[in-house]
N, C-alpha and C. Protein backbone atom coordinates (compact mmCIF):
# COMPACT_ATOMS: atom_id res chain seq x y z
N MET A 1 200.73 187.53 169.61
CA MET A 1 199.89 188.15 170.59
C MET A 1 199.27 187.11 171.52
N THR A 2 198.94 185.99 170.98
CA THR A 2 198.35 184.93 171.80
C THR A 2 199.32 184.50 172.91
N ALA A 3 200.58 184.36 172.57
CA ALA A 3 201.58 183.90 173.55
C ALA A 3 201.91 184.97 174.59
N ASN A 4 201.68 186.24 174.28
CA ASN A 4 202.04 187.34 175.18
C ASN A 4 200.86 188.28 175.39
N PHE A 5 199.68 187.74 175.54
CA PHE A 5 198.45 188.54 175.60
C PHE A 5 198.50 189.62 176.67
N ASP A 6 199.12 189.35 177.80
CA ASP A 6 199.18 190.33 178.89
C ASP A 6 199.99 191.57 178.55
N ALA A 7 200.81 191.53 177.51
CA ALA A 7 201.61 192.69 177.12
C ALA A 7 200.81 193.71 176.30
N TYR A 8 199.61 193.33 175.89
CA TYR A 8 198.81 194.17 175.00
C TYR A 8 197.71 194.90 175.75
N PRO A 9 197.25 196.04 175.20
CA PRO A 9 196.21 196.84 175.87
C PRO A 9 194.93 196.06 176.08
N ARG A 10 194.20 196.45 177.10
CA ARG A 10 192.93 195.80 177.45
C ARG A 10 191.73 196.70 177.17
N HIS A 11 191.84 197.58 176.22
CA HIS A 11 190.78 198.55 175.92
C HIS A 11 189.44 197.89 175.58
N TRP A 12 189.46 196.66 175.10
CA TRP A 12 188.26 196.06 174.56
C TRP A 12 187.64 195.02 175.48
N GLY A 13 188.21 194.80 176.64
CA GLY A 13 187.63 193.88 177.61
C GLY A 13 187.75 192.42 177.24
N LEU A 14 188.68 192.06 176.40
CA LEU A 14 188.84 190.66 175.99
C LEU A 14 189.67 189.90 177.01
N SER A 15 189.43 188.62 177.13
CA SER A 15 190.21 187.78 178.02
C SER A 15 191.22 186.94 177.25
N ARG A 16 191.15 187.01 175.94
CA ARG A 16 192.11 186.30 175.09
C ARG A 16 192.16 187.00 173.73
N ALA A 17 193.18 186.67 172.95
CA ALA A 17 193.35 187.28 171.63
C ALA A 17 192.19 186.94 170.71
N ASP A 18 191.85 187.87 169.84
CA ASP A 18 190.80 187.67 168.84
C ASP A 18 191.44 187.83 167.46
N ARG A 19 191.71 186.73 166.79
CA ARG A 19 192.44 186.78 165.52
C ARG A 19 191.68 187.50 164.41
N ASN A 20 190.42 187.78 164.60
CA ASN A 20 189.64 188.48 163.59
C ASN A 20 189.84 189.99 163.59
N ILE A 21 190.29 190.56 164.71
CA ILE A 21 190.38 192.01 164.80
C ILE A 21 191.68 192.52 165.41
N ASN A 22 192.32 191.79 166.27
CA ASN A 22 193.46 192.32 167.03
C ASN A 22 194.58 192.88 166.17
N HIS A 23 194.83 192.30 165.02
CA HIS A 23 195.91 192.77 164.15
C HIS A 23 195.58 194.10 163.49
N ARG A 24 194.34 194.57 163.59
CA ARG A 24 193.93 195.83 162.97
C ARG A 24 193.79 196.96 163.98
N ARG A 25 193.92 196.68 165.24
CA ARG A 25 193.74 197.70 166.27
C ARG A 25 195.06 198.45 166.50
N VAL A 26 195.02 199.75 166.33
CA VAL A 26 196.24 200.57 166.41
C VAL A 26 197.01 200.37 167.71
N PRO A 27 196.38 200.40 168.89
CA PRO A 27 197.19 200.20 170.10
C PRO A 27 197.91 198.86 170.12
N ASN A 28 197.30 197.82 169.58
CA ASN A 28 197.97 196.52 169.51
C ASN A 28 199.16 196.57 168.54
N ILE A 29 198.97 197.25 167.43
CA ILE A 29 200.05 197.39 166.45
C ILE A 29 201.22 198.14 167.09
N GLU A 30 200.91 199.19 167.85
CA GLU A 30 201.96 199.97 168.51
C GLU A 30 202.74 199.11 169.51
N VAL A 31 202.06 198.28 170.27
CA VAL A 31 202.76 197.40 171.21
C VAL A 31 203.65 196.41 170.44
N TYR A 32 203.12 195.84 169.38
CA TYR A 32 203.90 194.89 168.58
C TYR A 32 205.17 195.56 168.04
N PHE A 33 205.02 196.75 167.45
CA PHE A 33 206.18 197.45 166.89
C PHE A 33 207.20 197.81 167.97
N THR A 34 206.72 198.22 169.14
CA THR A 34 207.63 198.55 170.24
C THR A 34 208.37 197.30 170.70
N ARG A 35 207.66 196.18 170.85
CA ARG A 35 208.28 194.93 171.26
C ARG A 35 209.30 194.44 170.23
N ALA A 36 209.07 194.80 168.95
CA ALA A 36 210.00 194.40 167.89
C ALA A 36 211.22 195.32 167.82
N GLY A 37 211.23 196.40 168.64
CA GLY A 37 212.36 197.32 168.66
C GLY A 37 212.31 198.38 167.58
N TRP A 38 211.15 198.66 167.03
CA TRP A 38 211.02 199.62 165.93
C TRP A 38 210.65 201.03 166.38
N ARG A 39 210.36 201.23 167.65
CA ARG A 39 209.91 202.55 168.13
C ARG A 39 211.06 203.56 168.08
N LEU A 40 210.73 204.75 167.59
CA LEU A 40 211.65 205.89 167.55
C LEU A 40 211.02 207.03 168.33
N PRO A 41 211.83 207.98 168.78
CA PRO A 41 211.24 209.13 169.46
C PRO A 41 210.43 209.97 168.47
N ALA A 42 209.33 210.50 168.94
CA ALA A 42 208.54 211.41 168.10
C ALA A 42 209.37 212.66 167.86
N SER A 43 209.13 213.32 166.76
CA SER A 43 209.87 214.52 166.41
C SER A 43 208.93 215.52 165.74
N ARG A 44 209.16 216.79 165.96
CA ARG A 44 208.39 217.85 165.29
C ARG A 44 209.12 218.34 164.04
N ASP A 45 210.24 217.68 163.69
CA ASP A 45 211.02 218.04 162.51
C ASP A 45 210.70 217.06 161.39
N ALA A 46 210.05 217.54 160.35
CA ALA A 46 209.65 216.67 159.23
C ALA A 46 210.83 215.97 158.58
N ALA A 47 212.02 216.55 158.67
CA ALA A 47 213.21 215.95 158.06
C ALA A 47 213.61 214.65 158.76
N ASP A 48 213.11 214.41 159.97
CA ASP A 48 213.44 213.19 160.70
C ASP A 48 212.66 211.98 160.20
N TYR A 49 211.66 212.20 159.37
CA TYR A 49 210.78 211.12 158.92
C TYR A 49 211.22 210.63 157.55
N ARG A 50 211.22 209.30 157.40
CA ARG A 50 211.60 208.68 156.13
C ARG A 50 210.43 207.87 155.57
N ALA A 51 210.44 207.70 154.26
CA ALA A 51 209.42 206.87 153.62
C ALA A 51 209.44 205.49 154.27
N GLY A 52 208.27 205.01 154.62
CA GLY A 52 208.14 203.71 155.26
C GLY A 52 207.97 203.80 156.76
N ASP A 53 208.30 204.95 157.35
CA ASP A 53 208.04 205.12 158.79
C ASP A 53 206.54 205.02 159.03
N ILE A 54 206.19 204.50 160.17
CA ILE A 54 204.78 204.37 160.55
C ILE A 54 204.54 205.31 161.72
N VAL A 55 203.46 206.07 161.62
CA VAL A 55 203.14 207.07 162.63
C VAL A 55 201.75 206.78 163.17
N ALA A 56 201.60 206.88 164.49
CA ALA A 56 200.29 206.70 165.13
C ALA A 56 199.94 207.99 165.86
N TRP A 57 198.64 208.30 165.90
CA TRP A 57 198.15 209.52 166.53
C TRP A 57 196.95 209.22 167.41
N SER A 58 196.62 210.20 168.23
CA SER A 58 195.36 210.21 168.96
C SER A 58 194.50 211.31 168.33
N LEU A 59 193.45 210.92 167.64
CA LEU A 59 192.61 211.91 166.95
C LEU A 59 191.85 212.79 167.93
N GLU A 60 191.68 212.31 169.15
CA GLU A 60 190.96 213.08 170.17
C GLU A 60 191.90 214.01 170.93
N GLY A 61 193.17 213.97 170.61
CA GLY A 61 194.11 214.85 171.29
C GLY A 61 194.26 214.57 172.76
N GLY A 62 194.16 213.32 173.16
CA GLY A 62 194.30 212.96 174.56
C GLY A 62 193.01 213.09 175.36
N LYS A 63 191.94 213.55 174.73
CA LYS A 63 190.66 213.74 175.43
C LYS A 63 189.76 212.51 175.33
N GLY A 64 190.17 211.55 174.56
CA GLY A 64 189.36 210.35 174.37
C GLY A 64 190.19 209.28 173.71
N PHE A 65 189.54 208.20 173.35
CA PHE A 65 190.25 207.06 172.77
C PHE A 65 189.85 206.92 171.31
N ARG A 66 190.65 207.48 170.44
CA ARG A 66 190.42 207.37 169.00
C ARG A 66 191.76 207.29 168.28
N PRO A 67 192.41 206.12 168.33
CA PRO A 67 193.73 205.97 167.71
C PRO A 67 193.64 205.89 166.19
N HIS A 68 194.72 206.31 165.55
CA HIS A 68 194.79 206.29 164.08
C HIS A 68 196.24 206.02 163.69
N ILE A 69 196.44 205.52 162.47
CA ILE A 69 197.78 205.15 162.02
C ILE A 69 197.95 205.48 160.54
N GLY A 70 199.19 205.77 160.14
CA GLY A 70 199.49 206.07 158.75
C GLY A 70 200.93 205.73 158.43
N VAL A 71 201.25 205.78 157.14
CA VAL A 71 202.60 205.47 156.67
C VAL A 71 203.16 206.68 155.96
N VAL A 72 204.39 207.05 156.31
CA VAL A 72 205.08 208.15 155.65
C VAL A 72 205.46 207.69 154.25
N THR A 73 205.20 208.54 153.26
CA THR A 73 205.54 208.20 151.87
C THR A 73 206.76 209.00 151.40
N ASP A 74 207.20 208.70 150.21
CA ASP A 74 208.34 209.43 149.63
C ASP A 74 207.88 210.69 148.88
N ARG A 75 206.60 210.95 148.89
CA ARG A 75 206.05 212.14 148.23
C ARG A 75 206.06 213.31 149.21
N ILE A 76 206.39 214.49 148.70
CA ILE A 76 206.47 215.69 149.53
C ILE A 76 205.30 216.61 149.17
N GLY A 77 204.61 217.09 150.20
CA GLY A 77 203.48 217.99 150.00
C GLY A 77 203.92 219.43 149.82
N ARG A 78 202.96 220.30 149.59
CA ARG A 78 203.24 221.73 149.40
C ARG A 78 203.90 222.36 150.62
N SER A 79 203.65 221.79 151.78
CA SER A 79 204.23 222.31 153.02
C SER A 79 205.71 221.98 153.14
N GLY A 80 206.20 221.09 152.27
CA GLY A 80 207.58 220.61 152.36
C GLY A 80 207.71 219.38 153.23
N ARG A 81 206.61 218.93 153.78
CA ARG A 81 206.59 217.74 154.63
C ARG A 81 206.19 216.52 153.83
N PRO A 82 206.63 215.33 154.26
CA PRO A 82 206.22 214.13 153.54
C PRO A 82 204.71 213.90 153.67
N LEU A 83 204.13 213.37 152.61
CA LEU A 83 202.72 213.02 152.64
C LEU A 83 202.54 211.69 153.36
N ILE A 84 201.37 211.52 153.95
CA ILE A 84 201.05 210.34 154.72
C ILE A 84 199.95 209.55 154.02
N ALA A 85 200.12 208.26 153.87
CA ALA A 85 199.06 207.38 153.37
C ALA A 85 198.31 206.86 154.59
N HIS A 86 197.00 207.11 154.60
CA HIS A 86 196.18 206.63 155.71
C HIS A 86 194.72 206.51 155.28
N ASN A 87 193.94 205.82 156.09
CA ASN A 87 192.52 205.62 155.79
C ASN A 87 191.75 205.97 157.05
N ILE A 88 191.04 207.06 156.98
CA ILE A 88 190.30 207.53 158.16
C ILE A 88 188.81 207.24 158.01
N GLY A 89 188.47 206.34 157.08
CA GLY A 89 187.09 205.91 156.94
C GLY A 89 186.49 206.20 155.57
N ALA A 90 187.16 207.01 154.77
CA ALA A 90 186.65 207.35 153.44
C ALA A 90 187.54 206.75 152.36
N GLY A 91 188.20 205.65 152.68
CA GLY A 91 189.12 205.03 151.75
C GLY A 91 190.52 205.60 151.91
N PRO A 92 191.51 204.95 151.34
CA PRO A 92 192.89 205.41 151.50
C PRO A 92 193.10 206.78 150.87
N LYS A 93 193.85 207.62 151.57
CA LYS A 93 194.15 208.98 151.11
C LYS A 93 195.63 209.25 151.29
N LEU A 94 196.12 210.19 150.50
CA LEU A 94 197.49 210.68 150.59
C LEU A 94 197.38 212.14 150.99
N LYS A 95 197.79 212.46 152.23
CA LYS A 95 197.60 213.81 152.76
C LYS A 95 198.82 214.27 153.54
N GLY A 96 198.92 215.56 153.71
CA GLY A 96 199.97 216.15 154.54
C GLY A 96 199.54 216.18 155.99
N ALA A 97 199.32 215.04 156.58
CA ALA A 97 198.73 214.93 157.92
C ALA A 97 199.75 214.62 159.01
N LEU A 98 201.03 214.74 158.73
CA LEU A 98 202.05 214.30 159.67
C LEU A 98 201.88 214.90 161.07
N PHE A 99 201.60 216.18 161.14
CA PHE A 99 201.49 216.85 162.44
C PHE A 99 200.07 217.33 162.73
N ASP A 100 199.08 216.70 162.11
CA ASP A 100 197.69 217.12 162.30
C ASP A 100 197.11 216.76 163.67
N TRP A 101 197.61 215.71 164.30
CA TRP A 101 197.09 215.24 165.58
C TRP A 101 198.26 214.93 166.51
N PRO A 102 198.01 214.84 167.81
CA PRO A 102 199.07 214.46 168.74
C PRO A 102 199.59 213.05 168.42
N MET A 103 200.89 212.94 168.28
CA MET A 103 201.52 211.68 167.91
C MET A 103 201.66 210.78 169.14
N THR A 104 201.27 209.53 168.99
CA THR A 104 201.42 208.56 170.08
C THR A 104 202.55 207.58 169.81
N GLY A 105 203.03 207.53 168.57
CA GLY A 105 204.14 206.62 168.26
C GLY A 105 204.71 206.86 166.89
N ARG A 106 205.99 206.55 166.76
CA ARG A 106 206.71 206.63 165.49
C ARG A 106 207.57 205.38 165.40
N TYR A 107 207.50 204.69 164.28
CA TYR A 107 208.16 203.39 164.15
C TYR A 107 208.86 203.29 162.81
N ARG A 108 210.00 202.59 162.81
CA ARG A 108 210.74 202.34 161.57
C ARG A 108 211.08 200.85 161.52
N PRO A 109 210.32 200.09 160.72
CA PRO A 109 210.60 198.64 160.62
C PRO A 109 211.92 198.36 159.94
């Protein structure tokens, strides 16, 4: 990120990389994954998702800036969709949240 700082979002008003936080910010992670060639098209078909896929969402539904990220697991929920491991502030959870919010990115490392 330091070598390619201009390729990353400027949401935080920084003039240079901050090694203490930048690796944890979802928009930065999305840019890194896209630059690495891992981005896939979003899909509304749960069968398109595999364990290990990384999914990013906008919790505000496009009305604000509240990015979130999770990992698709190999566990299947009651809905028939894969469960997602994510932490929304109350510690890590395993939930059927795949289509709960508008998706901003889907990645397969």
